Amino acid sequence: MLRILFSARVVVLHLLAVGALVVCGLLGRWQLGVFEESGTPQSLLDPAPVAVATLTAPGEHMTADAVSRRVTAEGTFDVSKQLLVAERDGGLWLLAPLDLGDGTSIPVVRGWVATAGDPAVTAPAEGRVTLSGRLQPSEATNSVQRRIRQLPPGQVLTVSSAELINLWRGTKLRDGFVVAAEQSPAPAVAARPVSVPPPTEPGGLTWRNLAYAAQWWIFGLFAVFMWWHFVRDALHGRTRKRDSDADSASDPAPGDAAGSGAEPETPALPARTAP
């Protein structure tokens, strides 16, 4: 049997089966990777910064294409209305309205602090500043959670335009808020910047690629089946040939009886009687 398994013809079958199995396995894994990546959010083109006033306005909701856009703003912080947004990555956001000088203001997340007693919370105002950051939509206000949680004075749970209008009376707010990335001049005591990812679009799973992956793996299993089929036929063919040779050797050849030297018996004639 080993002679058959390692004969030249069967070794070629071994190599073909291994090659087909490896190729089909790799192609199936590639298609599976394409399927997995299709479900992840896809990065969009990140346009150049624009003035925040071009993307948001008082009493109007932001458009979807304005979310996470890079913006610039120039104005003065009203630190007398500064708030802390609780439960943000184990700390608090420092939130204050930025007066844009046109009668409107935009909420700005100035940074992250670990505790309410951080020096950045009580740092004096810097006067007129220029900042850049990313625009975010107004967060939904959970009134039930707000009633359950008794926050200290000066703290909120969300950056909601609807809530801030009531807290910052007399301030004409634009929709949304800006998460500051850079500020000029820099504050004397700066809070840690809050990271905001660039705009993305949700991914959609491409089930076709998953079907392609399964198809390649099925091809690999079929290659294994064909290899087993051909090897089995080769082994059975060798066995049938060996049995046929054994049967031929056991059968007597024609003429063996004549060549044995024995004389054939002559039948006896009947006796003749006298007339």
C-alpha atoms as a PDB file:
ATOM      1  CA  MET A   1       0.000   0.000   0.000  1.00  0.00           C
ATOM      2  CA  LEU A   2       2.846   2.386   0.748  1.00  0.00           C
ATOM      3  CA  ARG A   3       4.202   1.827  -2.745  1.00  0.00           C
ATOM      4  CA  ILE A   4       0.888   3.022  -4.151  1.00  0.00           C
ATOM      5  CA  LEU A   5       0.557   5.992  -1.781  1.00  0.00           C
ATOM      6  CA  PHE A   6       4.032   7.216  -2.704  1.00  0.00           C
ATOM      7  CA  SER A   7       3.943   6.427  -6.378  1.00  0.00           C
ATOM      8  CA  ALA A   8       4.523   9.313  -8.773  1.00  0.00           C
ATOM      9  CA  ARG A   9       0.879   9.548  -9.892  1.00  0.00           C
ATOM     10  CA  VAL A  10      -0.552   9.506  -6.349  1.00  0.00           C
ATOM     11  CA  VAL A  11       2.059  11.962  -5.029  1.00  0.00           C
ATOM     12  CA  VAL A  12       0.878  14.420  -7.681  1.00  0.00           C
ATOM     13  CA  LEU A  13      -2.651  13.953  -6.327  1.00  0.00           C
ATOM     14  CA  HIS A  14      -1.367  14.684  -2.798  1.00  0.00           C
ATOM     15  CA  LEU A  15       0.265  17.907  -3.928  1.00  0.00           C
ATOM     16  CA  LEU A  16      -2.766  19.039  -5.896  1.00  0.00           C
ATOM     17  CA  ALA A  17      -5.062  18.374  -2.935  1.00  0.00           C
ATOM     18  CA  VAL A  18      -2.837  20.266  -0.501  1.00  0.00           C
ATOM     19  CA  GLY A  19      -2.486  23.191  -2.917  1.00  0.00           C
ATOM     20  CA  ALA A  20      -6.233  23.380  -3.525  1.00  0.00           C
ATOM     21  CA  LEU A  21      -6.956  23.199   0.206  1.00  0.00           C
ATOM     22  CA  VAL A  22      -4.505  26.007   1.030  1.00  0.00           C
ATOM     23  CA  VAL A  23      -5.699  28.265  -1.804  1.00  0.00           C
ATOM     24  CA  CYS A  24      -9.388  27.773  -1.002  1.00  0.00           C
ATOM     25  CA  GLY A  25      -8.750  28.323   2.706  1.00  0.00           C
ATOM     26  CA  LEU A  26      -6.864  31.588   2.110  1.00  0.00           C
ATOM     27  CA  LEU A  27      -9.433  32.900  -0.369  1.00  0.00           C
ATOM     28  CA  GLY A  28     -12.243  32.053   2.040  1.00  0.00           C
ATOM     29  CA  ARG A  29     -10.456  33.841   4.902  1.00  0.00           C
ATOM     30  CA  TRP A  30      -9.936  36.889   2.663  1.00  0.00           C
ATOM     31  CA  GLN A  31     -13.639  37.058   1.825  1.00  0.00           C
ATOM     32  CA  LEU A  32     -14.487  36.664   5.514  1.00  0.00           C
ATOM     33  CA  GLY A  33     -12.198  39.604   6.316  1.00  0.00           C
ATOM     34  CA  VAL A  34     -13.948  41.737   3.706  1.00  0.00           C
ATOM     35  CA  PHE A  35     -17.280  40.803   5.304  1.00  0.00           C
ATOM     36  CA  GLU A  36     -16.056  41.743   8.790  1.00  0.00           C
ATOM     37  CA  GLU A  37     -14.610  45.073   7.646  1.00  0.00           C
ATOM     38  CA  SER A  38     -17.839  46.021   5.892  1.00  0.00           C
ATOM     39  CA  GLY A  39     -19.571  46.317   9.278  1.00  0.00           C
ATOM     40  CA  THR A  40     -17.132  48.861  10.715  1.00  0.00           C
ATOM     41  CA  PRO A  41     -17.800  52.596  10.350  1.00  0.00           C
ATOM     42  CA  GLN A  42     -16.128  54.065   7.292  1.00  0.00           C
ATOM     43  CA  SER A  43     -14.188  57.327   7.505  1.00  0.00           C
ATOM     44  CA  LEU A  44     -15.473  60.130   5.355  1.00  0.00           C
ATOM     45  CA  LEU A  45     -13.607  62.989   3.756  1.00  0.00           C
ATOM     46  CA  ASP A  46     -12.657  65.457   6.501  1.00  0.00           C
ATOM     47  CA  PRO A  47     -13.187  68.916   4.974  1.00  0.00           C
ATOM     48  CA  ALA A  48     -11.202  71.999   5.914  1.00  0.00           C
ATOM     49  CA  PRO A  49     -12.382  73.993   8.958  1.00  0.00           C
ATOM     50  CA  VAL A  50     -15.170  76.531   8.449  1.00  0.00           C
ATOM     51  CA  ALA A  51     -16.692  79.184  10.703  1.00  0.00           C
ATOM     52  CA  VAL A  52     -19.163  77.661  13.129  1.00  0.00           C
ATOM     53  CA  ALA A  53     -21.789  80.249  12.157  1.00  0.00           C
ATOM     54  CA  THR A  54     -22.023  78.697   8.671  1.00  0.00           C
ATOM     55  CA  LEU A  55     -23.129  75.304  10.001  1.00  0.00           C
ATOM     56  CA  THR A  56     -25.435  76.144  12.896  1.00  0.00           C
ATOM     57  CA  ALA A  57     -27.984  78.820  13.712  1.00  0.00           C
ATOM     58  CA  PRO A  58     -30.325  79.711  16.606  1.00  0.00           C
ATOM     59  CA  GLY A  59     -33.639  77.837  16.496  1.00  0.00           C
ATOM     60  CA  GLU A  60     -32.535  75.558  13.646  1.00  0.00           C
ATOM     61  CA  HIS A  61     -31.361  71.984  13.938  1.00  0.00           C
ATOM     62  CA  MET A  62     -27.981  70.982  12.590  1.00  0.00           C
ATOM     63  CA  THR A  63     -27.847  68.978   9.396  1.00  0.00           C
ATOM     64  CA  ALA A  64     -26.357  65.496   9.399  1.00  0.00           C
ATOM     65  CA  ASP A  65     -23.388  66.516   7.251  1.00  0.00           C
ATOM     66  CA  ALA A  66     -22.350  69.083   9.875  1.00  0.00           C
ATOM     67  CA  VAL A  67     -21.735  66.473  12.592  1.00  0.00           C
ATOM     68  CA  SER A  68     -18.049  66.163  13.577  1.00  0.00           C
ATOM     69  CA  ARG A  69     -17.048  68.860  11.071  1.00  0.00           C
ATOM     70  CA  ARG A  70     -14.004  70.933  11.930  1.00  0.00           C
ATOM     71  CA  VAL A  71     -14.996  74.487  12.786  1.00  0.00           C
ATOM     72  CA  THR A  72     -13.432  77.709  14.023  1.00  0.00           C
ATOM     73  CA  ALA A  73     -14.945  80.299  16.334  1.00  0.00           C
ATOM     74  CA  GLU A  74     -13.890  83.629  17.744  1.00  0.00           C
ATOM     75  CA  GLY A  75     -15.414  85.317  20.781  1.00  0.00           C
ATOM     76  CA  THR A  76     -15.400  85.655  24.548  1.00  0.00           C
ATOM     77  CA  PHE A  77     -16.198  83.017  27.136  1.00  0.00           C
ATOM     78  CA  ASP A  78     -18.825  83.879  29.751  1.00  0.00           C
ATOM     79  CA  VAL A  79     -17.260  82.032  32.674  1.00  0.00           C
ATOM     80  CA  SER A  80     -20.021  83.202  35.007  1.00  0.00           C
ATOM     81  CA  LYS A  81     -22.295  80.676  33.289  1.00  0.00           C
ATOM     82  CA  GLN A  82     -19.749  77.863  33.221  1.00  0.00           C
ATOM     83  CA  LEU A  83     -21.091  74.340  33.934  1.00  0.00           C
ATOM     84  CA  LEU A  84     -19.631  70.897  34.544  1.00  0.00           C
ATOM     85  CA  VAL A  85     -20.954  67.916  32.567  1.00  0.00           C
ATOM     86  CA  ALA A  86     -20.870  64.893  34.862  1.00  0.00           C
ATOM     87  CA  GLU A  87     -19.986  61.268  34.111  1.00  0.00           C
ATOM     88  CA  ARG A  88     -17.600  61.831  31.228  1.00  0.00           C
ATOM     89  CA  ASP A  89     -14.864  59.175  31.119  1.00  0.00           C
ATOM     90  CA  GLY A  90     -14.597  59.139  34.904  1.00  0.00           C
ATOM     91  CA  GLY A  91     -14.425  62.929  35.165  1.00  0.00           C
ATOM     92  CA  LEU A  92     -16.239  66.049  34.005  1.00  0.00           C
ATOM     93  CA  TRP A  93     -16.396  68.253  30.939  1.00  0.00           C
ATOM     94  CA  LEU A  94     -15.819  71.973  31.341  1.00  0.00           C
ATOM     95  CA  LEU A  95     -18.674  73.705  29.472  1.00  0.00           C
ATOM     96  CA  ALA A  96     -19.122  77.417  28.851  1.00  0.00           C
ATOM     97  CA  PRO A  97     -20.936  79.622  26.298  1.00  0.00           C
ATOM     98  CA  LEU A  98     -18.766  81.438  23.768  1.00  0.00           C
ATOM     99  CA  ASP A  99     -20.194  84.819  22.798  1.00  0.00           C
ATOM    100  CA  LEU A 100     -19.577  85.157  19.063  1.00  0.00           C
ATOM    101  CA  GLY A 101     -20.167  88.918  19.062  1.00  0.00           C
ATOM    102  CA  ASP A 102     -23.218  88.770  16.784  1.00  0.00           C
ATOM    103  CA  GLY A 103     -25.783  88.415  19.535  1.00  0.00           C
ATOM    104  CA  THR A 104     -25.497  84.604  19.583  1.00  0.00           C
ATOM    105  CA  SER A 105     -23.442  82.123  21.577  1.00  0.00           C
ATOM    106  CA  ILE A 106     -22.337  78.530  21.045  1.00  0.00           C
ATOM    107  CA  PRO A 107     -21.722  76.044  23.903  1.00  0.00           C
ATOM    108  CA  VAL A 108     -18.084  74.956  23.993  1.00  0.00           C
ATOM    109  CA  VAL A 109     -16.590  71.971  25.774  1.00  0.00           C
ATOM    110  CA  ARG A 110     -13.300  73.497  26.851  1.00  0.00           C
ATOM    111  CA  GLY A 111     -11.764  70.260  28.102  1.00  0.00           C
ATOM    112  CA  TRP A 112     -11.853  67.427  30.629  1.00  0.00           C
ATOM    113  CA  VAL A 113     -11.067  67.647  34.346  1.00  0.00           C
ATOM    114  CA  ALA A 114     -10.848  64.860  36.893  1.00  0.00           C
ATOM    115  CA  THR A 115     -12.702  66.619  39.705  1.00  0.00           C
ATOM    116  CA  ALA A 116     -14.782  69.720  40.291  1.00  0.00           C
ATOM    117  CA  GLY A 117     -11.914  71.177  42.311  1.00  0.00           C
ATOM    118  CA  ASP A 118      -9.468  71.179  39.384  1.00  0.00           C
ATOM    119  CA  PRO A 119      -7.666  74.544  38.985  1.00  0.00           C
ATOM    120  CA  ALA A 120      -8.894  74.814  35.392  1.00  0.00           C
ATOM    121  CA  VAL A 121     -12.466  75.145  36.697  1.00  0.00           C
ATOM    122  CA  THR A 122     -11.764  78.354  38.574  1.00  0.00           C
ATOM    123  CA  ALA A 123      -9.189  79.797  36.150  1.00  0.00           C
ATOM    124  CA  PRO A 124      -9.927  83.444  35.167  1.00  0.00           C
ATOM    125  CA  ALA A 125     -11.289  84.359  31.740  1.00  0.00           C
ATOM    126  CA  GLU A 126      -8.783  84.898  28.910  1.00  0.00           C
ATOM    127  CA  GLY A 127     -10.654  87.682  27.094  1.00  0.00           C
ATOM    128  CA  ARG A 128     -11.246  87.322  23.373  1.00  0.00           C
ATOM    129  CA  VAL A 129     -10.081  83.976  22.049  1.00  0.00           C
ATOM    130  CA  THR A 130      -9.923  82.074  18.791  1.00  0.00           C
ATOM    131  CA  LEU A 131     -10.492  78.334  18.929  1.00  0.00           C
ATOM    132  CA  SER A 132     -10.877  75.356  16.646  1.00  0.00           C
ATOM    133  CA  GLY A 133     -12.627  72.099  17.280  1.00  0.00           C
ATOM    134  CA  ARG A 134     -15.352  69.765  16.065  1.00  0.00           C
ATOM    135  CA  LEU A 135     -19.064  70.475  15.963  1.00  0.00           C
ATOM    136  CA  GLN A 136     -21.365  68.009  17.738  1.00  0.00           C
ATOM    137  CA  PRO A 137     -25.174  67.734  17.796  1.00  0.00           C
ATOM    138  CA  SER A 138     -27.166  68.568  20.894  1.00  0.00           C
ATOM    139  CA  GLU A 139     -27.494  65.587  23.216  1.00  0.00           C
ATOM    140  CA  ALA A 140     -30.846  64.202  24.274  1.00  0.00           C
ATOM    141  CA  THR A 141     -31.928  65.127  27.805  1.00  0.00           C
ATOM    142  CA  ASN A 142     -32.956  62.258  30.054  1.00  0.00           C
ATOM    143  CA  SER A 143     -35.367  63.980  32.433  1.00  0.00           C
ATOM    144  CA  VAL A 144     -36.030  60.780  34.402  1.00  0.00           C
ATOM    145  CA  GLN A 145     -32.328  60.213  35.028  1.00  0.00           C
ATOM    146  CA  ARG A 146     -31.883  63.869  35.955  1.00  0.00           C
ATOM    147  CA  ARG A 147     -34.598  63.597  38.601  1.00  0.00           C
ATOM    148  CA  ILE A 148     -33.110  60.400  40.015  1.00  0.00           C
ATOM    149  CA  ARG A 149     -29.567  61.719  40.142  1.00  0.00           C
ATOM    150  CA  GLN A 150     -29.131  64.630  42.521  1.00  0.00           C
ATOM    151  CA  LEU A 151     -26.219  66.495  40.977  1.00  0.00           C
ATOM    152  CA  PRO A 152     -24.353  69.256  42.785  1.00  0.00           C
ATOM    153  CA  PRO A 153     -25.157  72.828  41.738  1.00  0.00           C
ATOM    154  CA  GLY A 154     -23.470  73.836  38.497  1.00  0.00           C
ATOM    155  CA  GLN A 155     -23.473  70.321  37.042  1.00  0.00           C
ATOM    156  CA  VAL A 156     -25.543  68.732  34.273  1.00  0.00           C
ATOM    157  CA  LEU A 157     -25.699  65.267  32.728  1.00  0.00           C
ATOM    158  CA  THR A 158     -25.972  66.247  29.062  1.00  0.00           C
ATOM    159  CA  VAL A 159     -25.028  69.042  26.685  1.00  0.00           C
ATOM    160  CA  SER A 160     -28.570  69.747  25.558  1.00  0.00           C
ATOM    161  CA  SER A 161     -29.529  72.997  23.866  1.00  0.00           C
ATOM    162  CA  ALA A 162     -33.070  72.699  25.244  1.00  0.00           C
ATOM    163  CA  GLU A 163     -31.748  72.471  28.804  1.00  0.00           C
ATOM    164  CA  LEU A 164     -29.043  75.103  28.400  1.00  0.00           C
ATOM    165  CA  ILE A 165     -31.541  77.682  27.146  1.00  0.00           C
ATOM    166  CA  ASN A 166     -33.282  77.433  30.520  1.00  0.00           C
ATOM    167  CA  LEU A 167     -30.017  77.489  32.470  1.00  0.00           C
ATOM    168  CA  TRP A 168     -28.391  80.300  30.486  1.00  0.00           C
ATOM    169  CA  ARG A 169     -31.293  82.715  30.386  1.00  0.00           C
ATOM    170  CA  GLY A 170     -30.787  85.733  28.212  1.00  0.00           C
ATOM    171  CA  THR A 171     -28.337  83.878  25.960  1.00  0.00           C
ATOM    172  CA  LYS A 172     -29.315  83.256  22.337  1.00  0.00           C
ATOM    173  CA  LEU A 173     -27.837  79.842  21.667  1.00  0.00           C
ATOM    174  CA  ARG A 174     -26.963  78.204  18.389  1.00  0.00           C
ATOM    175  CA  ASP A 175     -27.840  74.520  18.044  1.00  0.00           C
ATOM    176  CA  GLY A 176     -25.175  71.964  18.889  1.00  0.00           C
ATOM    177  CA  PHE A 177     -21.886  72.508  20.655  1.00  0.00           C
ATOM    178  CA  VAL A 178     -18.177  72.664  19.867  1.00  0.00           C
ATOM    179  CA  VAL A 179     -15.570  70.390  21.420  1.00  0.00           C
ATOM    180  CA  ALA A 180     -12.472  72.577  21.497  1.00  0.00           C
ATOM    181  CA  ALA A 181      -9.179  71.159  20.268  1.00  0.00           C
ATOM    182  CA  GLU A 182      -6.964  74.287  20.253  1.00  0.00           C
ATOM    183  CA  GLN A 183      -7.320  77.772  21.680  1.00  0.00           C
ATOM    184  CA  SER A 184      -5.393  80.969  21.146  1.00  0.00           C
ATOM    185  CA  PRO A 185      -4.263  82.494  23.397  1.00  0.00           C
ATOM    186  CA  ALA A 186      -3.911  79.344  25.462  1.00  0.00           C
ATOM    187  CA  PRO A 187      -5.529  79.420  28.922  1.00  0.00           C
ATOM    188  CA  ALA A 188      -3.294  79.897  31.929  1.00  0.00           C
ATOM    189  CA  VAL A 189      -4.578  76.638  33.395  1.00  0.00           C
ATOM    190  CA  ALA A 190      -5.751  74.330  30.636  1.00  0.00           C
ATOM    191  CA  ALA A 191      -8.064  71.363  30.940  1.00  0.00           C
ATOM    192  CA  ARG A 192      -7.194  68.202  29.068  1.00  0.00           C
ATOM    193  CA  PRO A 193      -8.547  68.317  25.484  1.00  0.00           C
ATOM    194  CA  VAL A 194     -11.434  66.002  24.664  1.00  0.00           C
ATOM    195  CA  SER A 195     -10.822  63.761  21.664  1.00  0.00           C
ATOM    196  CA  VAL A 196     -13.520  63.635  18.977  1.00  0.00           C
ATOM    197  CA  PRO A 197     -13.194  61.249  16.004  1.00  0.00           C
ATOM    198  CA  PRO A 198     -13.567  62.542  12.429  1.00  0.00           C
ATOM    199  CA  PRO A 199     -16.889  62.089  10.659  1.00  0.00           C
ATOM    200  CA  THR A 200     -17.808  58.538   9.762  1.00  0.00           C
ATOM    201  CA  GLU A 201     -20.680  56.718   8.134  1.00  0.00           C
ATOM    202  CA  PRO A 202     -22.090  53.472   9.504  1.00  0.00           C
ATOM    203  CA  GLY A 203     -20.918  50.346   7.764  1.00  0.00           C
ATOM    204  CA  GLY A 204     -23.253  47.811   6.183  1.00  0.00           C
ATOM    205  CA  LEU A 205     -22.518  44.099   6.277  1.00  0.00           C
ATOM    206  CA  THR A 206     -22.003  42.660   2.787  1.00  0.00           C
ATOM    207  CA  TRP A 207     -23.499  39.197   3.165  1.00  0.00           C
ATOM    208  CA  ARG A 208     -22.385  38.363  -0.370  1.00  0.00           C
ATOM    209  CA  ASN A 209     -18.773  38.197   0.825  1.00  0.00           C
ATOM    210  CA  LEU A 210     -19.757  35.803   3.604  1.00  0.00           C
ATOM    211  CA  ALA A 211     -21.364  33.566   0.978  1.00  0.00           C
ATOM    212  CA  TYR A 212     -18.171  33.764  -1.110  1.00  0.00           C
ATOM    213  CA  ALA A 213     -16.131  32.680   1.929  1.00  0.00           C
ATOM    214  CA  ALA A 214     -18.373  29.658   2.500  1.00  0.00           C
ATOM    215  CA  GLN A 215     -18.189  28.841  -1.207  1.00  0.00           C
ATOM    216  CA  TRP A 216     -14.378  28.768  -1.208  1.00  0.00           C
ATOM    217  CA  TRP A 217     -14.302  26.521   1.859  1.00  0.00           C
ATOM    218  CA  ILE A 218     -16.782  24.155   0.226  1.00  0.00           C
ATOM    219  CA  PHE A 219     -14.484  24.011  -2.805  1.00  0.00           C
ATOM    220  CA  GLY A 220     -11.629  23.052  -0.461  1.00  0.00           C
ATOM    221  CA  LEU A 221     -13.682  20.242   1.085  1.00  0.00           C
ATOM    222  CA  PHE A 222     -14.614  19.033  -2.404  1.00  0.00           C
ATOM    223  CA  ALA A 223     -10.923  18.912  -3.326  1.00  0.00           C
ATOM    224  CA  VAL A 224     -10.269  16.732  -0.255  1.00  0.00           C
ATOM    225  CA  PHE A 225     -13.143  14.444  -1.230  1.00  0.00           C
ATOM    226  CA  MET A 226     -11.815  14.027  -4.775  1.00  0.00           C
ATOM    227  CA  TRP A 227      -8.331  13.294  -3.422  1.00  0.00           C
ATOM    228  CA  TRP A 228      -9.750  10.589  -1.155  1.00  0.00           C
ATOM    229  CA  HIS A 229     -11.817   9.195  -4.034  1.00  0.00           C
ATOM    230  CA  PHE A 230      -8.844   8.857  -6.419  1.00  0.00           C
ATOM    231  CA  VAL A 231      -6.544   7.402  -3.745  1.00  0.00           C
ATOM    232  CA  ARG A 232      -9.205   4.866  -2.773  1.00  0.00           C
ATOM    233  CA  ASP A 233      -9.639   3.840  -6.425  1.00  0.00           C
ATOM    234  CA  ALA A 234      -5.885   3.412  -6.777  1.00  0.00           C
ATOM    235  CA  LEU A 235      -5.733   1.175  -3.697  1.00  0.00           C
ATOM    236  CA  HIS A 236      -8.749  -0.871  -4.793  1.00  0.00           C
ATOM    237  CA  GLY A 237      -7.316  -1.266  -8.288  1.00  0.00           C
ATOM    238  CA  ARG A 238      -4.070  -2.633  -6.836  1.00  0.00           C
ATOM    239  CA  THR A 239      -6.013  -5.029  -4.614  1.00  0.00           C
ATOM    240  CA  ARG A 240      -8.106  -6.304  -7.543  1.00  0.00           C
ATOM    241  CA  LYS A 241      -4.979  -6.871  -9.634  1.00  0.00           C
ATOM    242  CA  ARG A 242      -3.306  -8.820  -6.825  1.00  0.00           C
ATOM    243  CA  ASP A 243      -6.397 -11.001  -6.346  1.00  0.00           C
ATOM    244  CA  SER A 244      -6.602 -11.638 -10.095  1.00  0.00           C
ATOM    245  CA  ASP A 245      -2.954 -12.706 -10.198  1.00  0.00           C
ATOM    246  CA  ALA A 246      -3.533 -15.066  -7.278  1.00  0.00           C
ATOM    247  CA  ASP A 247      -6.547 -16.668  -8.971  1.00  0.00           C
ATOM    248  CA  SER A 248      -4.597 -17.166 -12.195  1.00  0.00           C
ATOM    249  CA  ALA A 249      -1.776 -18.869 -10.350  1.00  0.00           C
ATOM    250  CA  SER A 250      -4.121 -21.342  -8.589  1.00  0.00           C
ATOM    251  CA  ASP A 251      -6.001 -22.540 -11.776  1.00  0.00           C
ATOM    252  CA  PRO A 252      -4.343 -25.578 -13.714  1.00  0.00           C
ATOM    253  CA  ALA A 253      -3.154 -24.756 -17.183  1.00  0.00           C
ATOM    254  CA  PRO A 254      -4.554 -26.645 -20.194  1.00  0.00           C
ATOM    255  CA  GLY A 255      -2.505 -29.771 -21.092  1.00  0.00           C
ATOM    256  CA  ASP A 256      -1.198 -30.348 -17.579  1.00  0.00           C
ATOM    257  CA  ALA A 257      -2.896 -33.764 -17.494  1.00  0.00           C
ATOM    258  CA  ALA A 258      -1.260 -34.870 -20.777  1.00  0.00           C
ATOM    259  CA  GLY A 259       2.157 -33.832 -19.656  1.00  0.00           C
ATOM    260  CA  SER A 260       2.036 -35.693 -16.380  1.00  0.00           C
ATOM    261  CA  GLY A 261       3.208 -39.048 -17.956  1.00  0.00           C
ATOM    262  CA  ALA A 262       0.168 -41.076 -16.994  1.00  0.00           C
ATOM    263  CA  GLU A 263      -1.240 -43.383 -19.687  1.00  0.00           C
ATOM    264  CA  PRO A 264      -4.894 -43.062 -20.422  1.00  0.00           C
ATOM    265  CA  GLU A 265      -6.970 -46.052 -19.540  1.00  0.00           C
ATOM    266  CA  THR A 266      -8.238 -48.233 -22.512  1.00  0.00           C
ATOM    267  CA  PRO A 267     -11.794 -49.393 -22.160  1.00  0.00           C
ATOM    268  CA  ALA A 268     -12.164 -53.187 -21.951  1.00  0.00           C
ATOM    269  CA  LEU A 269     -13.608 -54.925 -25.001  1.00  0.00           C
ATOM    270  CA  PRO A 270     -16.389 -57.495 -24.519  1.00  0.00           C
ATOM    271  CA  ALA A 271     -15.328 -61.179 -24.757  1.00  0.00           C
ATOM    272  CA  ARG A 272     -16.017 -62.959 -28.024  1.00  0.00           C
ATOM    273  CA  THR A 273     -17.701 -66.450 -27.920  1.00  0.00           C
ATOM    274  CA  ALA A 274     -17.116 -69.310 -30.357  1.00  0.00           C
ATOM    275  CA  PRO A 275     -19.758 -70.012 -32.955  1.00  0.00           C
END
